[in-house]
Amino acid sequence: MTIQEYEDWFNSVEIPKGETMLFPGTTIVDPEKFLSVSIATLKASPDAKANAAIWHRLKVFKLLIESNL
């Protein structure tokens, strides 16, 4: 998925409120802020090697939401 596709998808679903455990050792405290910061970072530099973890967390967060729909 592209960053625009992720942004469109997250805008089309209900985002969990409050803390959300992404995987052991990684908890998203504020999902809305997580998304806004992650998307802004990827828009600024989508191909930076340092952003690989952000792409992975967005993918996992999307899968988590899909599994609860």
Foldseek 3Di string as FASTA:
>chain_A
DALVVLVVVVVVDDQDQAWDALDVPDIDGGRVVLSVVLSVVCVVPVPDPVNPVSVVSSVSSVVVVVVVD
